[in-house]
Amino acid sequence: MGYPIKGACQCGHVTYTLLREPKMVVACHCKECQKLSTSAFSITAVVDAKDVIFEGEMSDWSRSSDSGNISAAKFCPVCGNRMYHYDPEKPELLKLKPTNLEDTSIVKPVAHVWVSEKQDWYEIPEGVKVFDKQP
């Protein structure tokens, strides 16, 4: 697969271009990510902010995390699709939601986090790193 790769929210109001390969792709099984994804886990591609070009107005949302840090998010104000999460103290690093890319072949988690909260019915694939909570 080659870069750049285009992505968009469900309605197309927010679009983006991912210029480079993510640093890593992670599946998070925490209860908050289960709510976000309406599934067993949420997938995140960790990228440098300079490696993504966004177009379209986004809205903000944030909450406190177990560590006491703020987990902030940008999302489409029209369809509500989450685009990325970030720590306001480290805005240079984004946690992109990669399932809205045109080419989702990069969506292969190398680690699963917060498996202490994972759904019992989900089997984690062999060969990936596993963390009980946030590493």
N, C-alpha and C. Protein backbone atom coordinates (compact mmCIF):
# COMPACT_ATOMS: atom_id res chain seq x y z
N MET A 1 0.83 -1.17 0.00
CA MET A 1 0.00 0.00 0.00
C MET A 1 0.88 1.23 0.00
N GLY A 2 0.44 2.22 -0.72
CA GLY A 2 1.20 3.46 -0.78
C GLY A 2 0.50 4.60 -0.07
N TYR A 3 1.28 5.55 0.31
CA TYR A 3 0.75 6.76 0.94
C TYR A 3 0.94 7.90 -0.03
N PRO A 4 0.09 8.89 0.01
CA PRO A 4 -0.95 9.16 1.00
C PRO A 4 -2.21 8.31 0.79
N ILE A 5 -3.00 8.22 1.90
CA ILE A 5 -4.29 7.54 1.88
C ILE A 5 -5.34 8.55 2.33
N LYS A 6 -6.45 8.59 1.62
CA LYS A 6 -7.55 9.50 1.95
C LYS A 6 -8.50 8.84 2.94
N GLY A 7 -9.16 9.67 3.73
CA GLY A 7 -10.18 9.21 4.66
C GLY A 7 -11.27 10.24 4.79
N ALA A 8 -12.41 9.83 5.34
CA ALA A 8 -13.53 10.75 5.52
C ALA A 8 -14.49 10.20 6.57
N CYS A 9 -15.25 11.12 7.16
CA CYS A 9 -16.32 10.70 8.06
C CYS A 9 -17.44 10.06 7.23
N GLN A 10 -18.47 9.59 7.90
CA GLN A 10 -19.55 8.91 7.18
C GLN A 10 -20.26 9.80 6.17
N CYS A 11 -20.44 11.08 6.49
CA CYS A 11 -21.19 11.95 5.58
C CYS A 11 -20.29 12.71 4.61
N GLY A 12 -18.95 12.70 4.82
CA GLY A 12 -18.03 13.37 3.92
C GLY A 12 -17.77 14.83 4.26
N HIS A 13 -18.35 15.33 5.35
CA HIS A 13 -18.13 16.72 5.77
C HIS A 13 -16.67 16.95 6.18
N VAL A 14 -16.08 15.95 6.85
CA VAL A 14 -14.67 16.02 7.25
C VAL A 14 -13.90 15.00 6.43
N THR A 15 -12.85 15.46 5.77
CA THR A 15 -11.98 14.57 5.02
C THR A 15 -10.55 14.75 5.52
N TYR A 16 -9.72 13.78 5.21
CA TYR A 16 -8.31 13.91 5.59
C TYR A 16 -7.43 13.08 4.68
N THR A 17 -6.15 13.42 4.74
CA THR A 17 -5.13 12.68 4.00
C THR A 17 -4.06 12.25 5.00
N LEU A 18 -3.83 10.95 5.08
CA LEU A 18 -2.76 10.40 5.91
C LEU A 18 -1.53 10.28 5.03
N LEU A 19 -0.47 11.01 5.39
CA LEU A 19 0.72 11.10 4.54
C LEU A 19 1.71 9.97 4.75
N ARG A 20 1.75 9.40 5.95
CA ARG A 20 2.75 8.38 6.28
C ARG A 20 2.13 7.23 7.08
N GLU A 21 2.85 6.15 7.12
CA GLU A 21 2.43 4.98 7.89
C GLU A 21 2.32 5.32 9.38
N PRO A 22 1.29 4.80 10.05
CA PRO A 22 1.17 5.03 11.50
C PRO A 22 2.35 4.45 12.27
N LYS A 23 2.60 5.02 13.44
CA LYS A 23 3.64 4.50 14.33
C LYS A 23 3.24 3.11 14.84
N MET A 24 1.94 2.94 15.10
CA MET A 24 1.39 1.64 15.50
C MET A 24 -0.12 1.69 15.42
N VAL A 25 -0.72 0.51 15.35
CA VAL A 25 -2.18 0.38 15.37
C VAL A 25 -2.52 -0.49 16.59
N VAL A 26 -3.45 0.00 17.40
CA VAL A 26 -3.78 -0.64 18.68
C VAL A 26 -5.29 -0.84 18.77
N ALA A 27 -5.69 -1.95 19.39
CA ALA A 27 -7.09 -2.19 19.72
C ALA A 27 -7.27 -1.96 21.21
N CYS A 28 -8.22 -1.10 21.58
CA CYS A 28 -8.47 -0.81 22.99
C CYS A 28 -9.80 -1.43 23.40
N HIS A 29 -9.77 -2.19 24.49
CA HIS A 29 -10.94 -2.91 24.98
C HIS A 29 -11.59 -2.25 26.19
N CYS A 30 -11.19 -1.02 26.55
CA CYS A 30 -11.78 -0.37 27.72
C CYS A 30 -13.27 -0.11 27.50
N LYS A 31 -13.99 0.04 28.57
CA LYS A 31 -15.45 0.25 28.48
C LYS A 31 -15.79 1.50 27.68
N GLU A 32 -14.98 2.57 27.80
CA GLU A 32 -15.24 3.79 27.05
C GLU A 32 -15.10 3.55 25.55
N CYS A 33 -14.10 2.77 25.14
CA CYS A 33 -13.94 2.46 23.71
C CYS A 33 -15.03 1.52 23.21
N GLN A 34 -15.53 0.66 24.07
CA GLN A 34 -16.65 -0.18 23.68
C GLN A 34 -17.88 0.69 23.41
N LYS A 35 -18.08 1.71 24.25
CA LYS A 35 -19.20 2.64 24.02
C LYS A 35 -18.99 3.41 22.71
N LEU A 36 -17.77 3.87 22.49
CA LEU A 36 -17.45 4.65 21.29
C LEU A 36 -17.71 3.84 20.03
N SER A 37 -17.23 2.61 20.00
CA SER A 37 -17.30 1.79 18.79
C SER A 37 -18.61 1.02 18.65
N THR A 38 -19.38 0.95 19.72
CA THR A 38 -20.55 0.09 19.81
C THR A 38 -20.20 -1.34 19.44
N SER A 39 -18.99 -1.74 19.85
CA SER A 39 -18.48 -3.08 19.57
C SER A 39 -17.58 -3.50 20.74
N ALA A 40 -16.81 -4.55 20.53
CA ALA A 40 -15.96 -5.09 21.60
C ALA A 40 -14.71 -4.25 21.86
N PHE A 41 -14.29 -3.46 20.88
CA PHE A 41 -13.10 -2.63 21.05
C PHE A 41 -13.08 -1.54 19.99
N SER A 42 -12.20 -0.58 20.19
CA SER A 42 -12.00 0.50 19.22
C SER A 42 -10.58 0.39 18.69
N ILE A 43 -10.39 0.75 17.44
CA ILE A 43 -9.06 0.68 16.82
C ILE A 43 -8.51 2.09 16.66
N THR A 44 -7.23 2.23 16.99
CA THR A 44 -6.55 3.51 16.92
C THR A 44 -5.23 3.36 16.17
N ALA A 45 -4.98 4.31 15.28
CA ALA A 45 -3.68 4.39 14.59
C ALA A 45 -2.95 5.60 15.17
N VAL A 46 -1.84 5.37 15.81
CA VAL A 46 -1.06 6.45 16.41
C VAL A 46 -0.22 7.09 15.32
N VAL A 47 -0.42 8.41 15.11
CA VAL A 47 0.26 9.14 14.05
C VAL A 47 0.74 10.49 14.57
N ASP A 48 1.76 11.03 13.92
CA ASP A 48 2.18 12.40 14.20
C ASP A 48 1.17 13.35 13.56
N ALA A 49 0.81 14.41 14.27
CA ALA A 49 -0.16 15.38 13.74
C ALA A 49 0.29 15.97 12.41
N LYS A 50 1.59 16.14 12.24
CA LYS A 50 2.11 16.71 10.98
C LYS A 50 1.92 15.77 9.79
N ASP A 51 1.58 14.51 10.05
CA ASP A 51 1.41 13.53 8.98
C ASP A 51 -0.04 13.36 8.53
N VAL A 52 -0.94 14.24 9.02
CA VAL A 52 -2.34 14.18 8.62
C VAL A 52 -2.82 15.59 8.26
N ILE A 53 -3.50 15.68 7.13
CA ILE A 53 -4.09 16.96 6.71
C ILE A 53 -5.60 16.80 6.75
N PHE A 54 -6.26 17.58 7.60
CA PHE A 54 -7.71 17.53 7.75
C PHE A 54 -8.35 18.69 7.00
N GLU A 55 -9.54 18.44 6.46
CA GLU A 55 -10.34 19.48 5.84
C GLU A 55 -11.76 19.35 6.34
N GLY A 56 -12.38 20.48 6.67
CA GLY A 56 -13.74 20.48 7.19
C GLY A 56 -13.74 20.80 8.67
N GLU A 57 -14.77 21.47 9.10
CA GLU A 57 -14.92 21.86 10.50
C GLU A 57 -15.19 20.64 11.36
N MET A 58 -14.54 20.60 12.54
CA MET A 58 -14.77 19.52 13.49
C MET A 58 -15.20 20.10 14.83
N SER A 59 -15.93 19.32 15.59
CA SER A 59 -16.33 19.68 16.94
C SER A 59 -15.42 18.96 17.93
N ASP A 60 -15.44 19.44 19.19
CA ASP A 60 -14.59 18.90 20.25
C ASP A 60 -15.41 18.21 21.33
N TRP A 61 -14.79 17.23 21.97
CA TRP A 61 -15.36 16.56 23.12
C TRP A 61 -14.19 16.07 23.96
N SER A 62 -14.35 16.03 25.28
CA SER A 62 -13.26 15.52 26.12
C SER A 62 -13.82 14.93 27.41
N ARG A 63 -12.98 14.10 28.03
CA ARG A 63 -13.31 13.48 29.31
C ARG A 63 -12.01 13.21 30.05
N SER A 64 -12.10 12.98 31.35
CA SER A 64 -10.94 12.57 32.14
C SER A 64 -10.71 11.08 31.93
N SER A 65 -9.45 10.67 31.96
CA SER A 65 -9.12 9.25 31.85
C SER A 65 -8.72 8.72 33.22
N ASP A 66 -8.55 7.42 33.33
CA ASP A 66 -8.15 6.81 34.60
C ASP A 66 -6.83 7.34 35.12
N SER A 67 -5.95 7.76 34.21
CA SER A 67 -4.65 8.29 34.62
C SER A 67 -4.74 9.71 35.15
N GLY A 68 -5.91 10.35 34.95
CA GLY A 68 -6.06 11.74 35.33
C GLY A 68 -5.81 12.69 34.18
N ASN A 69 -5.32 12.17 33.06
CA ASN A 69 -5.12 12.98 31.87
C ASN A 69 -6.47 13.25 31.21
N ILE A 70 -6.48 14.21 30.30
CA ILE A 70 -7.67 14.49 29.52
C ILE A 70 -7.59 13.73 28.20
N SER A 71 -8.65 13.04 27.85
CA SER A 71 -8.77 12.39 26.55
C SER A 71 -9.70 13.26 25.73
N ALA A 72 -9.13 13.98 24.77
CA ALA A 72 -9.91 14.88 23.92
C ALA A 72 -10.17 14.21 22.58
N ALA A 73 -11.23 14.64 21.91
CA ALA A 73 -11.59 14.06 20.63
C ALA A 73 -12.08 15.14 19.68
N LYS A 74 -11.87 14.89 18.40
CA LYS A 74 -12.42 15.71 17.32
C LYS A 74 -13.37 14.81 16.55
N PHE A 75 -14.53 15.38 16.19
CA PHE A 75 -15.52 14.60 15.47
C PHE A 75 -16.29 15.48 14.50
N CYS A 76 -16.96 14.84 13.55
CA CYS A 76 -17.76 15.56 12.57
C CYS A 76 -19.03 16.09 13.25
N PRO A 77 -19.30 17.39 13.14
CA PRO A 77 -20.51 17.94 13.76
C PRO A 77 -21.80 17.57 13.01
N VAL A 78 -21.67 17.03 11.81
CA VAL A 78 -22.84 16.66 11.01
C VAL A 78 -23.27 15.22 11.30
N CYS A 79 -22.35 14.26 11.12
CA CYS A 79 -22.72 12.85 11.31
C CYS A 79 -22.25 12.27 12.65
N GLY A 80 -21.40 13.00 13.37
CA GLY A 80 -20.95 12.55 14.68
C GLY A 80 -19.79 11.57 14.65
N ASN A 81 -19.29 11.23 13.47
CA ASN A 81 -18.21 10.26 13.34
C ASN A 81 -16.93 10.79 14.00
N ARG A 82 -16.36 10.01 14.91
CA ARG A 82 -15.11 10.37 15.58
C ARG A 82 -13.98 10.30 14.57
N MET A 83 -13.13 11.33 14.53
CA MET A 83 -12.00 11.36 13.61
C MET A 83 -10.70 10.98 14.31
N TYR A 84 -10.47 11.58 15.50
CA TYR A 84 -9.27 11.22 16.27
C TYR A 84 -9.41 11.66 17.72
N HIS A 85 -8.55 11.09 18.54
CA HIS A 85 -8.41 11.46 19.95
C HIS A 85 -7.00 12.02 20.13
N TYR A 86 -6.81 12.77 21.20
CA TYR A 86 -5.49 13.30 21.51
C TYR A 86 -5.45 13.76 22.96
N ASP A 87 -4.25 13.91 23.47
CA ASP A 87 -4.00 14.45 24.79
C ASP A 87 -3.67 15.93 24.58
N PRO A 88 -4.46 16.85 25.14
CA PRO A 88 -4.18 18.28 24.95
C PRO A 88 -2.78 18.70 25.38
N GLU A 89 -2.16 17.92 26.26
CA GLU A 89 -0.78 18.20 26.68
C GLU A 89 0.23 17.75 25.63
N LYS A 90 -0.19 16.91 24.68
CA LYS A 90 0.68 16.38 23.62
C LYS A 90 -0.04 16.44 22.28
N PRO A 91 -0.40 17.63 21.80
CA PRO A 91 -1.20 17.73 20.57
C PRO A 91 -0.46 17.30 19.31
N GLU A 92 0.83 17.07 19.40
CA GLU A 92 1.60 16.64 18.23
C GLU A 92 1.39 15.16 17.90
N LEU A 93 0.72 14.42 18.80
CA LEU A 93 0.48 12.99 18.60
C LEU A 93 -1.03 12.74 18.56
N LEU A 94 -1.51 12.15 17.47
CA LEU A 94 -2.94 11.89 17.31
C LEU A 94 -3.24 10.40 17.35
N LYS A 95 -4.41 10.08 17.86
CA LYS A 95 -4.90 8.70 17.87
C LYS A 95 -6.03 8.63 16.86
N LEU A 96 -5.65 8.48 15.61
CA LEU A 96 -6.57 8.49 14.47
C LEU A 96 -7.48 7.27 14.50
N LYS A 97 -8.74 7.45 14.11
CA LYS A 97 -9.68 6.34 13.98
C LYS A 97 -9.60 5.87 12.52
N PRO A 98 -8.81 4.83 12.24
CA PRO A 98 -8.46 4.48 10.87
C PRO A 98 -9.50 3.71 10.08
N THR A 99 -10.58 3.30 10.70
CA THR A 99 -11.57 2.54 9.93
C THR A 99 -12.35 3.42 8.97
N ASN A 100 -12.10 4.74 9.00
CA ASN A 100 -12.73 5.61 8.01
C ASN A 100 -11.77 5.99 6.87
N LEU A 101 -10.69 5.24 6.74
CA LEU A 101 -9.79 5.39 5.59
C LEU A 101 -10.37 4.68 4.37
N GLU A 102 -10.05 5.18 3.18
CA GLU A 102 -10.48 4.50 1.95
C GLU A 102 -9.85 3.13 1.83
N ASP A 103 -8.59 3.02 2.27
CA ASP A 103 -7.87 1.73 2.25
C ASP A 103 -7.62 1.35 3.71
N THR A 104 -8.36 0.37 4.20
CA THR A 104 -8.24 -0.02 5.60
C THR A 104 -7.26 -1.17 5.83
N SER A 105 -6.40 -1.46 4.85
CA SER A 105 -5.46 -2.57 5.00
C SER A 105 -4.44 -2.32 6.11
N ILE A 106 -4.30 -1.08 6.58
CA ILE A 106 -3.38 -0.81 7.69
C ILE A 106 -4.01 -1.15 9.04
N VAL A 107 -5.30 -1.47 9.05
CA VAL A 107 -6.01 -1.71 10.30
C VAL A 107 -5.72 -3.12 10.80
N LYS A 108 -4.50 -3.31 11.27
CA LYS A 108 -4.05 -4.59 11.82
C LYS A 108 -3.38 -4.30 13.15
N PRO A 109 -4.12 -4.40 14.27
CA PRO A 109 -3.53 -4.06 15.56
C PRO A 109 -2.32 -4.93 15.90
N VAL A 110 -1.28 -4.26 16.40
CA VAL A 110 -0.08 -4.96 16.87
C VAL A 110 -0.11 -5.14 18.37
N ALA A 111 -1.10 -4.49 19.03
CA ALA A 111 -1.25 -4.60 20.48
C ALA A 111 -2.72 -4.44 20.84
N HIS A 112 -3.09 -5.08 21.95
CA HIS A 112 -4.43 -4.95 22.52
C HIS A 112 -4.26 -4.43 23.94
N VAL A 113 -4.92 -3.30 24.26
CA VAL A 113 -4.80 -2.68 25.57
C VAL A 113 -6.13 -2.76 26.32
N TRP A 114 -6.05 -2.61 27.62
CA TRP A 114 -7.22 -2.68 28.50
C TRP A 114 -7.96 -4.01 28.34
N VAL A 115 -7.19 -5.10 28.18
CA VAL A 115 -7.84 -6.41 28.04
C VAL A 115 -8.50 -6.86 29.35
N SER A 116 -8.21 -6.16 30.45
CA SER A 116 -8.90 -6.45 31.71
C SER A 116 -10.39 -6.15 31.61
N GLU A 117 -10.79 -5.35 30.61
CA GLU A 117 -12.20 -5.00 30.42
C GLU A 117 -12.79 -5.59 29.13
N LYS A 118 -12.05 -6.46 28.46
CA LYS A 118 -12.52 -6.98 27.18
C LYS A 118 -13.73 -7.89 27.35
N GLN A 119 -14.50 -8.00 26.29
CA GLN A 119 -15.64 -8.90 26.27
C GLN A 119 -15.15 -10.35 26.31
N ASP A 120 -15.76 -11.18 27.13
CA ASP A 120 -15.32 -12.57 27.30
C ASP A 120 -15.36 -13.36 26.00
N TRP A 121 -16.28 -13.05 25.11
CA TRP A 121 -16.45 -13.82 23.88
C TRP A 121 -15.39 -13.51 22.83
N TYR A 122 -14.63 -12.41 22.99
CA TYR A 122 -13.65 -12.05 21.97
C TYR A 122 -12.31 -12.72 22.25
N GLU A 123 -11.76 -13.38 21.25
CA GLU A 123 -10.46 -14.05 21.35
C GLU A 123 -9.38 -13.17 20.72
N ILE A 124 -8.39 -12.80 21.47
CA ILE A 124 -7.30 -11.98 20.94
C ILE A 124 -6.40 -12.85 20.07
N PRO A 125 -6.07 -12.37 18.88
CA PRO A 125 -5.21 -13.17 17.99
C PRO A 125 -3.83 -13.42 18.60
N GLU A 126 -3.24 -14.52 18.22
CA GLU A 126 -1.88 -14.83 18.68
C GLU A 126 -0.88 -13.89 18.01
N GLY A 127 0.22 -13.65 18.70
CA GLY A 127 1.32 -12.89 18.11
C GLY A 127 1.24 -11.38 18.30
N VAL A 128 0.25 -10.89 19.06
CA VAL A 128 0.18 -9.45 19.33
C VAL A 128 0.49 -9.20 20.80
N LYS A 129 0.95 -8.00 21.10
CA LYS A 129 1.21 -7.63 22.49
C LYS A 129 -0.12 -7.44 23.20
N VAL A 130 -0.17 -7.80 24.48
CA VAL A 130 -1.38 -7.69 25.27
C VAL A 130 -1.04 -6.96 26.57
N PHE A 131 -1.89 -5.97 26.91
CA PHE A 131 -1.70 -5.20 28.13
C PHE A 131 -3.00 -5.18 28.92
N ASP A 132 -2.91 -5.47 30.21
CA ASP A 132 -4.07 -5.49 31.09
C ASP A 132 -4.77 -4.14 31.13
N LYS A 133 -3.96 -3.07 31.15
CA LYS A 133 -4.48 -1.70 31.16
C LYS A 133 -3.72 -0.91 30.10
N GLN A 134 -3.54 0.37 30.34
CA GLN A 134 -2.80 1.23 29.40
C GLN A 134 -1.30 1.06 29.66
N PRO A 135 -0.52 0.75 28.62
CA PRO A 135 0.93 0.56 28.86
C PRO A 135 1.62 1.88 29.19
